[in-house]
Amino acid sequence: MFSESLKIKLSLQINDKKFEIPGGNIKLCELNLQTFGFEGKVGFGLFTDSSKDEIFSAFVTHDLIKVQLSIIRVLNLRDKSPVPLEINAYVTQKSVREFGYREVKNEPVLERYYEISFQDIPAILWKQHFPVKLYTDKKFSDVLKDQIVEDISLEIDESVQGESQEMLFLGLGLGQNRHKASFYDFLIWYVHSRNIVFFYDYDDCTLKLSDEKAVLEAVAVFRPVEVAKIQTFFSESFRHNTRILNVHSEKHQSIEIPQDQAVSGIFQDVLMRTALENEIDDRKTLETTKLETHLEKIEMVMKEFPSKNFTIGTMVKFEKEYWSKNNLLSDKNFRIFTIKLSAKAREQNLSQNYNLDYTAYAMEMSIGMEIEDNPEVYLPPFKNPCYPVLVEGNIVSESGEDLDKTYQISQNEATSQDSYTVHVPLWDLNIKANFLPKVYTGHFYFPAFKHVKVLLALYFTRAKIKNFLDWGNGSKLPMDIQGNHLLFGKNELSETSMKYLYSEGKPVFSIQRTSDKETEMISLEQESIILQTKEDK
């Protein structure tokens, strides 16, 4: 712990009103800054006569509170005044404590202590965002940009925007609140599964997705006099090789991805089912990247607040001019990936330093850094999205008349995979669902026909038909005959009906073929076989 005089500027915006809190009134400040975002807490006091405490009436409403916070050291600067450490946030929790004075007439409240907790804006808003929406012929970046609202800024490198997909589906409305995944969970899950760098840029308050870590131009040089201790941490080494197992019947193969630190015979197997070579190659690249060794990291515990420009992503050097050339830090470039600080005003009495620009704090502060080339991507905890989501749709066929029970199968040129086209009324979009034999063996060939209502299971990038939800026109029989019916054909003027039913308690089996006005029928009844052919006039 050390003592430091800081100028902490706090601005709260509630609706169109902005409230500036002088640094001397701020009694507590805690920050936890990470590469993916931040959270923090600030406590401040105000005297409550009407001319001084203007914030109270707005603070106790449910209105959104925007936070601007900056921190800078003010005394004993070695160099020119640095740029403040700044953040922009939304308040997540708030409280107020009032101090009444019994010895004063009417026991007035003369002092209030306010405390707010806050977080980066994308995390707050997208953790409460649970969209269920279907997209067709869109890139993932298009889906992501569709979720952007006021005060969220986003940049997506072209290398991670993804290719246009036949369908992309956000199914984030499932389960009870504490168990279902939010859009923020979904986004973290997505970047984690593809090893995408998820970085919150503190300089311009922008969330950035890229395939490489950003290298900021700013370089900070720390000196031993600023540091209480430095500890180096080494990540656990991977002791397994990875195997990719493609279970596709025609393209089945096992691909081993070795790495130097593995113990022979220890594997992590990854299952795939694809006929596309490019999908296999992409997965091999991804799994190879995941096996890259995580390099050492250091934690630097401070004994003064740095009097230099620094933030998350800032590059750091330990110059030989100040540090021993024989230590672990020499000749290495580091990148800041976490900053944690806690500052508690030494004078908690509100009247001390009231309305001054700065005050003295008892502080604890640590800065986490990684080797510049460390491939490790840092992400917050997240819940996996829950797929599939069940929705209803209707089979689409362009052949035949509107009431004809025709079917239409299309083939994907890249995968040679057959599929139905299914219309999803809720979003008024057509998607593809695999045309597969499903439960029955290849002896049965009964494609789904036009307008049939189906239950679709929607996954993130694909759909499949789970069940059929209605009877075809003319297929259903009256209950009193307790019959079974198999109906072939496209309409009532061109069909063949196979029925097994009960007439006066006796079984009847019949086959009837209809073609326009011509009808042929075979009927097996009690003690008789009927053969009939006729043409209606």
Protein backbone atom coordinates (compact mmCIF):
# COMPACT_ATOMS: atom_id res chain seq x y z
CA MET A 1 0.00 0.00 0.00
CA PHE A 2 1.17 3.50 -0.74
CA SER A 3 -0.10 7.07 -0.46
CA GLU A 4 -0.69 9.20 -3.56
CA SER A 5 -2.36 12.50 -4.40
CA LEU A 6 -4.73 11.97 -7.33
CA LYS A 7 -7.01 14.19 -9.30
CA ILE A 8 -10.07 12.06 -9.96
CA LYS A 9 -12.62 13.71 -12.21
CA LEU A 10 -16.09 12.20 -12.10
CA SER A 11 -18.95 13.28 -14.34
CA LEU A 12 -22.45 11.80 -14.14
CA GLN A 13 -25.00 12.40 -16.87
CA ILE A 14 -28.65 11.70 -16.05
CA ASN A 15 -30.93 12.46 -18.98
CA ASP A 16 -29.84 15.89 -20.23
CA LYS A 17 -28.29 16.99 -16.93
CA LYS A 18 -24.59 16.66 -16.22
CA PHE A 19 -23.15 16.66 -12.70
CA GLU A 20 -19.45 17.26 -12.03
CA ILE A 21 -18.13 15.80 -8.77
CA PRO A 22 -14.95 17.52 -7.51
CA GLY A 23 -12.02 15.20 -6.82
CA GLY A 24 -11.78 16.20 -3.16
CA ASN A 25 -15.30 14.81 -2.58
CA ILE A 26 -14.42 11.35 -3.93
CA LYS A 27 -13.64 9.05 -1.03
CA LEU A 28 -13.37 5.71 -2.81
CA CYS A 29 -12.33 4.51 -6.26
CA GLU A 30 -11.87 0.91 -7.39
CA LEU A 31 -11.09 -0.20 -10.94
CA ASN A 32 -10.53 -3.55 -12.61
CA LEU A 33 -9.52 -3.01 -16.24
CA GLN A 34 -9.14 -5.99 -18.59
CA THR A 35 -8.55 -6.40 -22.31
CA PHE A 36 -12.22 -7.29 -22.82
CA GLY A 37 -13.74 -4.53 -20.66
CA PHE A 38 -13.87 -3.23 -17.12
CA GLU A 39 -15.84 -2.74 -13.93
CA GLY A 40 -15.43 -0.37 -11.03
CA LYS A 41 -16.87 1.48 -8.07
CA VAL A 42 -16.77 5.09 -6.90
CA GLY A 43 -18.00 6.64 -3.65
CA PHE A 44 -18.39 10.38 -3.06
CA GLY A 45 -20.00 12.70 -0.53
CA LEU A 46 -21.97 15.92 -0.82
CA PHE A 47 -23.38 18.37 1.68
CA THR A 48 -27.11 18.54 1.23
CA ASP A 49 -28.20 22.17 1.43
CA SER A 50 -30.22 23.03 -1.67
CA SER A 51 -27.44 24.99 -3.36
CA LYS A 52 -24.90 22.19 -3.11
CA ASP A 53 -26.64 18.80 -3.55
CA GLU A 54 -28.38 19.09 -6.90
CA ILE A 55 -27.84 15.46 -7.87
CA PHE A 56 -30.14 13.78 -5.33
CA SER A 57 -33.51 14.11 -7.07
CA ALA A 58 -32.14 12.74 -10.36
CA PHE A 59 -29.99 10.07 -8.70
CA VAL A 60 -32.89 8.31 -6.93
CA THR A 61 -34.85 7.74 -10.18
CA HIS A 62 -34.50 4.70 -12.47
CA ASP A 63 -33.03 6.84 -15.24
CA LEU A 64 -29.83 5.76 -16.97
CA ILE A 65 -26.64 7.22 -15.49
CA LYS A 66 -23.63 7.67 -17.77
CA VAL A 67 -20.21 7.87 -16.14
CA GLN A 68 -17.04 9.63 -17.26
CA LEU A 69 -14.07 9.01 -15.00
CA SER A 70 -10.45 10.10 -15.31
CA ILE A 71 -7.51 9.62 -12.94
CA ILE A 72 -4.19 11.42 -12.97
CA ARG A 73 -1.35 11.94 -10.53
CA VAL A 74 -0.80 15.57 -9.54
CA LEU A 75 2.36 15.76 -7.36
CA ASN A 76 6.04 14.84 -7.80
CA LEU A 77 5.84 14.31 -11.56
CA ARG A 78 9.17 13.30 -13.09
CA ASP A 79 8.18 14.27 -16.61
CA LYS A 80 5.53 16.44 -18.19
CA SER A 81 1.95 15.83 -17.06
CA PRO A 82 0.68 12.56 -18.57
CA VAL A 83 -2.68 11.86 -20.22
CA PRO A 84 -5.25 10.77 -17.59
CA LEU A 85 -6.44 7.18 -17.36
CA GLU A 86 -10.02 7.49 -18.65
CA ILE A 87 -13.15 5.36 -18.95
CA ASN A 88 -16.76 5.79 -20.07
CA ALA A 89 -19.40 3.56 -18.52
CA TYR A 90 -22.99 2.99 -17.41
CA VAL A 91 -24.00 2.64 -13.77
CA THR A 92 -25.13 -0.86 -12.81
CA GLN A 93 -25.84 -0.41 -9.09
CA LYS A 94 -26.15 2.63 -6.85
CA SER A 95 -26.82 3.53 -3.24
CA VAL A 96 -27.06 6.60 -1.06
CA ARG A 97 -26.55 6.96 2.69
CA GLU A 98 -27.94 9.97 4.53
CA PHE A 99 -26.56 11.48 7.71
CA GLY A 100 -29.11 13.17 9.95
CA TYR A 101 -28.15 15.53 12.79
CA ARG A 102 -30.34 15.25 15.92
CA GLU A 103 -28.67 18.18 17.60
CA VAL A 104 -29.74 20.54 14.82
CA LYS A 105 -33.26 21.96 14.74
CA ASN A 106 -35.74 19.72 12.83
CA GLU A 107 -33.04 17.01 12.58
CA PRO A 108 -32.12 17.81 8.96
CA VAL A 109 -30.11 15.61 6.58
CA LEU A 110 -26.96 17.62 6.08
CA GLU A 111 -24.74 15.09 4.33
CA ARG A 112 -25.14 12.27 1.82
CA TYR A 113 -22.69 9.61 0.70
CA TYR A 114 -23.27 8.20 -2.80
CA GLU A 115 -21.82 4.99 -4.17
CA ILE A 116 -22.04 3.71 -7.75
CA SER A 117 -20.88 0.54 -9.46
CA PHE A 118 -20.30 0.67 -13.21
CA GLN A 119 -19.20 -1.43 -16.17
CA ASP A 120 -18.30 -1.06 -19.83
CA ILE A 121 -21.35 -0.33 -21.96
CA PRO A 122 -21.33 -3.36 -24.33
CA ALA A 123 -21.23 -5.76 -21.38
CA ILE A 124 -24.10 -4.03 -19.56
CA LEU A 125 -26.45 -3.74 -22.52
CA TRP A 126 -25.69 -7.02 -24.29
CA LYS A 127 -25.96 -9.01 -21.03
CA GLN A 128 -29.60 -7.91 -20.98
CA HIS A 129 -30.11 -8.58 -24.69
CA PHE A 130 -31.69 -11.94 -25.62
CA PRO A 131 -32.63 -11.73 -29.30
CA VAL A 132 -34.28 -14.57 -31.23
CA LYS A 133 -33.87 -13.71 -34.89
CA LEU A 134 -33.25 -15.49 -38.18
CA TYR A 135 -30.92 -14.09 -40.86
CA THR A 136 -30.33 -15.34 -44.39
CA ASP A 137 -27.44 -14.59 -46.77
CA LYS A 138 -25.61 -12.57 -44.11
CA LYS A 139 -22.12 -12.52 -42.63
CA PHE A 140 -21.59 -12.85 -38.90
CA SER A 141 -20.43 -9.24 -38.89
CA ASP A 142 -23.84 -8.21 -40.31
CA VAL A 143 -25.59 -10.00 -37.47
CA LEU A 144 -23.31 -8.36 -34.92
CA LYS A 145 -23.79 -4.88 -36.35
CA ASP A 146 -27.54 -5.38 -36.23
CA GLN A 147 -27.29 -5.47 -32.41
CA ILE A 148 -25.51 -2.12 -32.10
CA VAL A 149 -27.36 0.59 -30.19
CA GLU A 150 -26.48 4.06 -28.96
CA ASP A 151 -23.16 4.32 -27.08
CA ILE A 152 -21.83 0.99 -28.40
CA SER A 153 -19.00 1.39 -30.90
CA LEU A 154 -17.74 -1.64 -32.83
CA GLU A 155 -14.96 -2.39 -35.30
CA ILE A 156 -14.58 -5.75 -37.03
CA ASP A 157 -11.50 -6.54 -39.08
CA GLU A 158 -12.22 -7.89 -42.53
CA SER A 159 -10.31 -11.08 -41.69
CA VAL A 160 -12.89 -12.09 -39.03
CA GLN A 161 -16.11 -10.83 -40.61
CA GLY A 162 -16.87 -14.32 -41.89
CA GLU A 163 -18.32 -15.48 -45.19
CA SER A 164 -21.93 -15.01 -46.17
CA GLN A 165 -24.04 -17.89 -44.81
CA GLU A 166 -27.30 -19.31 -46.12
CA MET A 167 -28.65 -18.84 -42.61
CA LEU A 168 -27.53 -17.53 -39.23
CA PHE A 169 -29.80 -17.84 -36.24
CA LEU A 170 -29.71 -16.12 -32.86
CA GLY A 171 -31.71 -18.28 -30.47
CA LEU A 172 -31.11 -16.59 -27.14
CA GLY A 173 -34.57 -16.60 -25.54
CA LEU A 174 -34.48 -20.13 -24.10
CA GLY A 175 -34.48 -21.16 -20.45
CA GLN A 176 -34.91 -19.22 -17.26
CA ASN A 177 -33.14 -15.89 -16.86
CA ARG A 178 -30.26 -17.10 -14.74
CA HIS A 179 -29.50 -20.02 -17.04
CA LYS A 180 -30.04 -18.72 -20.57
CA ALA A 181 -27.23 -17.18 -22.58
CA SER A 182 -27.37 -13.47 -23.40
CA PHE A 183 -26.10 -11.92 -26.61
CA TYR A 184 -22.91 -11.01 -24.73
CA ASP A 185 -22.47 -14.70 -23.79
CA PHE A 186 -23.13 -15.65 -27.40
CA LEU A 187 -20.52 -13.19 -28.68
CA ILE A 188 -17.87 -14.43 -26.24
CA TRP A 189 -18.73 -18.03 -27.14
CA TYR A 190 -18.35 -17.21 -30.82
CA VAL A 191 -14.95 -15.52 -30.55
CA HIS A 192 -13.71 -18.21 -28.16
CA SER A 193 -14.65 -21.02 -30.56
CA ARG A 194 -12.79 -19.29 -33.39
CA ASN A 195 -9.85 -17.87 -31.42
CA ILE A 196 -10.75 -14.29 -32.35
CA VAL A 197 -9.13 -11.45 -30.40
CA PHE A 198 -11.80 -9.59 -28.40
CA PHE A 199 -10.39 -6.20 -27.37
CA TYR A 200 -11.94 -3.15 -25.72
CA ASP A 201 -10.03 -0.06 -26.86
CA TYR A 202 -9.98 2.38 -23.94
CA ASP A 203 -8.75 5.29 -26.04
CA ASP A 204 -11.85 5.49 -28.22
CA CYS A 205 -14.27 3.31 -26.19
CA THR A 206 -14.61 0.86 -29.07
CA LEU A 207 -14.99 -2.92 -29.04
CA LYS A 208 -12.68 -4.47 -31.63
CA LEU A 209 -12.62 -7.98 -33.14
CA SER A 210 -9.52 -9.05 -35.04
CA ASP A 211 -7.29 -12.03 -35.72
CA GLU A 212 -4.23 -10.38 -34.10
CA LYS A 213 -3.64 -8.40 -30.93
CA ALA A 214 -3.40 -4.66 -31.33
CA VAL A 215 -0.03 -2.96 -30.88
CA LEU A 216 -0.51 0.53 -29.52
CA GLU A 217 1.98 3.20 -30.48
CA ALA A 218 2.37 4.32 -26.86
CA VAL A 219 5.35 2.78 -25.04
CA ALA A 220 5.74 3.18 -21.27
CA VAL A 221 9.07 2.86 -19.47
CA PHE A 222 8.85 1.91 -15.79
CA ARG A 223 11.64 2.43 -13.30
CA PRO A 224 12.49 0.43 -10.15
CA VAL A 225 11.61 3.39 -7.93
CA GLU A 226 7.96 3.10 -9.05
CA VAL A 227 7.67 -0.63 -8.40
CA ALA A 228 7.25 -2.51 -5.12
CA LYS A 229 7.71 -6.00 -6.63
CA ILE A 230 7.51 -7.91 -9.88
CA GLN A 231 6.51 -11.56 -10.10
CA THR A 232 6.75 -13.68 -13.23
CA PHE A 233 4.12 -16.36 -13.93
CA PHE A 234 4.42 -19.27 -16.34
CA SER A 235 1.32 -20.85 -17.85
CA GLU A 236 0.68 -24.58 -17.60
CA SER A 237 2.06 -26.35 -20.67
CA PHE A 238 -0.17 -28.44 -22.91
CA ARG A 239 0.67 -32.14 -22.51
CA HIS A 240 -1.67 -33.44 -25.21
CA ASN A 241 -1.70 -33.75 -28.96
CA THR A 242 -4.89 -32.99 -30.88
CA ARG A 243 -6.64 -35.34 -33.30
CA ILE A 244 -9.32 -34.27 -35.74
CA LEU A 245 -11.68 -37.17 -36.50
CA ASN A 246 -13.95 -36.70 -39.50
CA VAL A 247 -16.78 -39.23 -39.18
CA HIS A 248 -18.20 -38.58 -42.67
CA SER A 249 -18.62 -41.97 -44.38
CA GLU A 250 -16.95 -40.95 -47.68
CA LYS A 251 -14.39 -38.45 -46.31
CA HIS A 252 -13.55 -40.18 -43.03
CA GLN A 253 -10.03 -39.50 -41.79
CA SER A 254 -7.96 -38.92 -38.68
CA ILE A 255 -5.61 -35.92 -38.63
CA GLU A 256 -3.08 -35.67 -35.82
CA ILE A 257 -1.73 -32.27 -34.78
CA PRO A 258 1.42 -32.84 -32.74
CA GLN A 259 3.21 -30.40 -30.45
CA ASP A 260 6.60 -30.58 -28.76
CA GLN A 261 5.47 -30.63 -25.12
CA ALA A 262 2.93 -33.45 -25.51
CA VAL A 263 3.15 -36.77 -23.69
CA SER A 264 2.92 -39.68 -26.11
CA GLY A 265 -0.52 -41.28 -26.16
CA ILE A 266 -2.41 -38.31 -24.66
CA PHE A 267 -4.94 -36.78 -27.05
CA GLN A 268 -7.80 -34.34 -27.26
CA ASP A 269 -10.04 -35.59 -30.06
CA VAL A 270 -12.17 -33.20 -32.09
CA LEU A 271 -15.11 -34.69 -33.98
CA MET A 272 -16.28 -33.37 -37.35
CA ARG A 273 -18.77 -34.56 -39.96
CA THR A 274 -18.09 -32.82 -43.27
CA ALA A 275 -17.35 -33.62 -46.89
CA LEU A 276 -15.63 -30.29 -47.52
CA GLU A 277 -11.84 -30.16 -47.54
CA ASN A 278 -11.76 -26.43 -46.78
CA GLU A 279 -13.74 -26.98 -43.56
CA ILE A 280 -11.25 -29.62 -42.48
CA ASP A 281 -8.31 -27.32 -43.32
CA ASP A 282 -9.89 -24.41 -41.39
CA ARG A 283 -10.43 -26.61 -38.34
CA LYS A 284 -6.86 -27.87 -38.52
CA THR A 285 -5.58 -24.28 -38.58
CA LEU A 286 -7.76 -23.36 -35.60
CA GLU A 287 -6.72 -26.36 -33.49
CA THR A 288 -3.05 -25.75 -34.33
CA THR A 289 -3.41 -22.15 -33.13
CA LYS A 290 -4.96 -23.35 -29.87
CA LEU A 291 -1.86 -25.44 -29.17
CA GLU A 292 0.48 -22.45 -29.29
CA THR A 293 2.34 -22.15 -26.01
CA HIS A 294 1.14 -19.41 -23.67
CA LEU A 295 4.19 -17.33 -22.78
CA GLU A 296 5.09 -15.86 -19.42
CA LYS A 297 3.22 -13.02 -17.78
CA ILE A 298 4.25 -10.66 -15.01
CA GLU A 299 2.42 -8.87 -12.21
CA MET A 300 3.93 -5.55 -11.24
CA VAL A 301 2.82 -4.24 -7.84
CA MET A 302 3.21 -0.48 -7.72
CA LYS A 303 4.45 1.76 -4.93
CA GLU A 304 3.28 4.94 -6.65
CA PHE A 305 0.72 5.83 -9.29
CA PRO A 306 2.55 5.91 -12.66
CA SER A 307 3.33 9.41 -13.89
CA LYS A 308 3.20 8.38 -17.55
CA ASN A 309 0.74 7.57 -20.31
CA PHE A 310 -0.54 4.02 -19.93
CA THR A 311 -3.69 1.98 -20.48
CA ILE A 312 -4.74 -1.53 -21.50
CA GLY A 313 -2.70 -2.53 -24.55
CA THR A 314 0.15 -0.11 -23.88
CA MET A 315 3.58 -1.59 -24.69
CA VAL A 316 6.10 -1.60 -21.83
CA LYS A 317 9.88 -1.77 -21.81
CA PHE A 318 12.26 -2.26 -18.92
CA GLU A 319 15.29 -0.28 -20.03
CA LYS A 320 18.75 -1.58 -19.09
CA GLU A 321 19.50 1.93 -17.95
CA TYR A 322 17.30 1.30 -14.91
CA TRP A 323 17.04 -2.49 -14.58
CA SER A 324 19.59 -5.27 -14.26
CA LYS A 325 20.47 -6.79 -17.61
CA ASN A 326 20.47 -10.25 -15.99
CA ASN A 327 16.83 -10.34 -14.89
CA LEU A 328 13.90 -12.03 -16.66
CA LEU A 329 12.62 -8.72 -18.02
CA SER A 330 15.66 -7.69 -20.01
CA ASP A 331 15.44 -7.49 -23.79
CA LYS A 332 11.70 -8.25 -23.74
CA ASN A 333 8.72 -6.17 -24.76
CA PHE A 334 5.55 -6.47 -22.72
CA ARG A 335 1.90 -5.51 -23.22
CA ILE A 336 -0.42 -4.40 -20.41
CA PHE A 337 -3.48 -6.65 -20.22
CA THR A 338 -4.89 -5.83 -16.79
CA ILE A 339 -4.85 -2.88 -14.37
CA LYS A 340 -6.30 -3.10 -10.87
CA LEU A 341 -6.40 -0.29 -8.35
CA SER A 342 -8.10 0.59 -5.11
CA ALA A 343 -7.93 4.12 -3.71
CA LYS A 344 -9.45 5.17 -0.39
CA ALA A 345 -9.25 8.81 0.69
CA ARG A 346 -7.06 9.27 3.76
CA GLU A 347 -9.49 11.91 5.00
CA GLN A 348 -12.93 10.30 5.08
CA ASN A 349 -14.46 13.32 6.79
CA LEU A 350 -16.41 15.09 4.04
CA SER A 351 -15.41 18.56 5.21
CA GLN A 352 -11.74 17.75 4.58
CA ASN A 353 -10.67 18.79 1.05
CA TYR A 354 -14.31 19.41 0.14
CA ASN A 355 -14.74 20.65 -3.44
CA LEU A 356 -10.97 20.64 -4.07
CA ASP A 357 -9.63 19.21 -7.33
CA TYR A 358 -7.60 16.46 -5.70
CA THR A 359 -6.91 14.67 -2.43
CA ALA A 360 -4.57 12.05 -0.94
CA TYR A 361 -5.45 8.37 -1.14
CA ALA A 362 -4.24 5.17 0.48
CA MET A 363 -3.75 2.98 -2.58
CA GLU A 364 -3.11 -0.52 -3.83
CA MET A 365 -2.31 -0.97 -7.49
CA SER A 366 -1.05 -3.76 -9.74
CA ILE A 367 -0.44 -4.00 -13.47
CA GLY A 368 -0.48 -7.31 -15.34
CA MET A 369 1.64 -7.66 -18.47
CA GLU A 370 2.30 -10.33 -21.05
CA ILE A 371 5.14 -10.99 -23.44
CA GLU A 372 4.44 -9.15 -26.69
CA ASP A 373 4.19 -12.39 -28.71
CA ASN A 374 1.91 -14.22 -26.26
CA PRO A 375 -0.95 -15.75 -28.34
CA GLU A 376 -3.31 -16.14 -25.38
CA VAL A 377 -6.71 -14.46 -25.78
CA TYR A 378 -8.38 -13.19 -22.60
CA LEU A 379 -12.15 -13.49 -22.30
CA PRO A 380 -14.68 -13.14 -19.48
CA PRO A 381 -16.68 -16.16 -18.24
CA PHE A 382 -19.63 -17.00 -20.48
CA LYS A 383 -22.55 -19.39 -20.91
CA ASN A 384 -22.84 -21.51 -24.04
CA PRO A 385 -25.89 -20.68 -26.14
CA CYS A 386 -28.55 -23.39 -26.12
CA TYR A 387 -29.44 -24.88 -29.52
CA PRO A 388 -31.65 -25.98 -31.21
CA VAL A 389 -34.69 -23.71 -31.03
CA LEU A 390 -37.96 -25.20 -32.35
CA VAL A 391 -40.08 -23.12 -34.74
CA GLU A 392 -42.75 -23.92 -37.31
CA GLY A 393 -42.41 -23.60 -41.06
CA ASN A 394 -43.94 -24.71 -44.35
CA ILE A 395 -42.37 -26.69 -47.19
CA VAL A 396 -41.84 -24.67 -50.37
CA SER A 397 -42.12 -26.07 -53.89
CA GLU A 398 -42.26 -24.03 -57.09
CA SER A 399 -43.48 -26.91 -59.27
CA GLY A 400 -47.14 -27.64 -59.92
CA GLU A 401 -50.27 -25.70 -59.03
CA ASP A 402 -50.70 -24.10 -55.63
CA LEU A 403 -52.82 -26.97 -54.25
CA ASP A 404 -50.70 -29.75 -55.80
CA LYS A 405 -48.75 -31.93 -53.38
CA THR A 406 -45.50 -31.57 -55.30
CA TYR A 407 -42.03 -31.55 -53.81
CA GLN A 408 -38.82 -29.82 -54.86
CA ILE A 409 -35.29 -30.77 -53.83
CA SER A 410 -32.30 -28.48 -54.45
CA GLN A 411 -28.61 -29.39 -54.34
CA ASN A 412 -25.79 -27.30 -52.88
CA GLU A 413 -23.05 -26.98 -55.49
CA ALA A 414 -20.27 -26.85 -52.90
CA THR A 415 -21.40 -29.75 -50.69
CA SER A 416 -23.56 -31.77 -53.15
CA GLN A 417 -26.06 -31.95 -50.29
CA ASP A 418 -29.78 -32.10 -51.05
CA SER A 419 -32.19 -29.89 -49.14
CA TYR A 420 -35.75 -28.70 -48.86
CA THR A 421 -36.67 -25.05 -48.95
CA VAL A 422 -38.77 -24.15 -45.91
CA HIS A 423 -40.60 -20.88 -45.34
CA VAL A 424 -40.50 -19.56 -41.76
CA PRO A 425 -43.53 -17.27 -41.39
CA LEU A 426 -42.39 -15.46 -38.22
CA TRP A 427 -39.48 -13.83 -40.09
CA ASP A 428 -40.95 -14.29 -43.60
CA LEU A 429 -37.73 -15.94 -44.78
CA ASN A 430 -36.88 -19.10 -46.70
CA ILE A 431 -34.13 -21.36 -45.39
CA LYS A 432 -32.64 -24.72 -46.33
CA ALA A 433 -33.19 -27.91 -44.34
CA ASN A 434 -31.35 -31.12 -45.18
CA PHE A 435 -33.22 -33.66 -47.30
CA LEU A 436 -32.42 -36.87 -45.45
CA PRO A 437 -34.16 -40.27 -44.99
CA LYS A 438 -34.30 -39.60 -41.21
CA VAL A 439 -35.91 -42.48 -39.22
CA TYR A 440 -36.73 -44.88 -42.03
CA THR A 441 -34.39 -46.96 -44.16
CA GLY A 442 -33.69 -46.24 -47.79
CA HIS A 443 -36.62 -48.48 -48.83
CA PHE A 444 -39.00 -45.61 -48.14
CA TYR A 445 -39.01 -42.51 -50.29
CA PHE A 446 -41.65 -40.01 -49.18
CA PRO A 447 -40.44 -36.43 -49.71
CA ALA A 448 -42.32 -33.67 -47.92
CA PHE A 449 -44.70 -31.86 -50.26
CA LYS A 450 -45.72 -28.25 -50.79
CA HIS A 451 -47.25 -26.31 -47.87
CA VAL A 452 -46.81 -29.13 -45.34
CA LYS A 453 -46.37 -27.68 -41.86
CA VAL A 454 -43.16 -28.86 -40.23
CA LEU A 455 -41.41 -28.39 -36.91
CA LEU A 456 -37.92 -27.05 -37.54
CA ALA A 457 -34.94 -27.38 -35.25
CA LEU A 458 -32.84 -24.25 -35.80
CA TYR A 459 -29.13 -24.27 -34.97
CA PHE A 460 -26.70 -21.38 -35.39
CA THR A 461 -25.87 -22.07 -39.05
CA ARG A 462 -28.21 -24.89 -40.07
CA ALA A 463 -31.72 -26.25 -39.76
CA LYS A 464 -33.28 -29.68 -39.81
CA ILE A 465 -36.85 -30.95 -39.95
CA LYS A 466 -37.74 -32.49 -36.62
CA ASN A 467 -41.38 -33.44 -37.17
CA PHE A 468 -44.35 -33.06 -39.51
CA LEU A 469 -47.31 -31.27 -37.95
CA ASP A 470 -50.35 -31.86 -40.17
CA TRP A 471 -52.07 -34.45 -42.38
CA GLY A 472 -52.04 -34.04 -46.11
CA ASN A 473 -55.30 -33.11 -47.81
CA GLY A 474 -57.36 -36.28 -48.14
CA SER A 475 -55.08 -38.44 -45.97
CA LYS A 476 -57.05 -38.33 -42.70
CA LEU A 477 -59.85 -40.93 -42.26
CA PRO A 478 -62.99 -40.80 -40.07
CA MET A 479 -62.42 -42.26 -36.63
CA ASP A 480 -65.40 -44.65 -36.75
CA ILE A 481 -63.80 -46.80 -39.48
CA GLN A 482 -60.55 -47.17 -37.47
CA GLY A 483 -58.58 -47.16 -40.70
CA ASN A 484 -55.05 -46.69 -41.96
CA HIS A 485 -54.34 -44.78 -45.12
CA LEU A 486 -51.40 -44.29 -47.48
CA LEU A 487 -52.03 -41.66 -50.13
CA PHE A 488 -49.75 -41.18 -53.16
CA GLY A 489 -49.89 -38.48 -55.81
CA LYS A 490 -50.12 -34.72 -56.19
CA ASN A 491 -53.88 -33.91 -56.07
CA GLU A 492 -57.33 -35.49 -56.01
CA LEU A 493 -57.32 -35.87 -59.82
CA SER A 494 -54.00 -37.69 -59.90
CA GLU A 495 -53.45 -39.99 -56.92
CA THR A 496 -53.39 -43.56 -55.64
CA SER A 497 -55.00 -44.41 -52.30
CA MET A 498 -54.17 -47.50 -50.23
CA LYS A 499 -56.61 -48.02 -47.32
CA TYR A 500 -57.07 -50.60 -44.60
CA LEU A 501 -60.30 -50.03 -42.64
CA TYR A 502 -63.22 -51.71 -40.88
CA SER A 503 -66.75 -51.87 -42.33
CA GLU A 504 -69.38 -53.27 -39.96
CA GLY A 505 -66.52 -54.67 -37.91
CA LYS A 506 -64.98 -56.51 -40.87
CA PRO A 507 -61.58 -55.57 -42.38
CA VAL A 508 -61.45 -54.10 -45.86
CA PHE A 509 -58.28 -53.53 -47.87
CA SER A 510 -58.46 -51.42 -51.01
CA ILE A 511 -56.25 -49.78 -53.62
CA GLN A 512 -57.69 -47.08 -55.80
CA ARG A 513 -55.94 -45.27 -58.65
CA THR A 514 -57.35 -42.01 -59.99
CA SER A 515 -56.20 -40.18 -63.11
CA ASP A 516 -58.49 -37.34 -64.10
CA LYS A 517 -61.88 -39.03 -64.82
CA GLU A 518 -60.48 -42.58 -64.91
CA THR A 519 -60.53 -44.75 -61.77
CA GLU A 520 -59.27 -48.30 -61.12
CA MET A 521 -59.95 -50.04 -57.79
CA ILE A 522 -59.08 -53.33 -56.09
CA SER A 523 -60.94 -54.14 -52.87
CA LEU A 524 -60.48 -57.20 -50.63
CA GLU A 525 -63.57 -57.62 -48.44
CA GLN A 526 -65.25 -60.39 -46.46
CA GLU A 527 -65.69 -63.38 -48.84
CA SER A 528 -65.12 -61.24 -51.94
CA ILE A 529 -62.53 -59.55 -54.15
CA ILE A 530 -63.72 -56.58 -56.18
CA LEU A 531 -61.94 -55.36 -59.33
CA GLN A 532 -63.38 -52.21 -60.84
CA THR A 533 -62.48 -49.74 -63.55
CA LYS A 534 -64.59 -46.82 -64.65
CA GLU A 535 -64.49 -43.45 -66.36
CA ASP A 536 -66.68 -40.63 -65.13
CA LYS A 537 -68.59 -38.76 -67.76
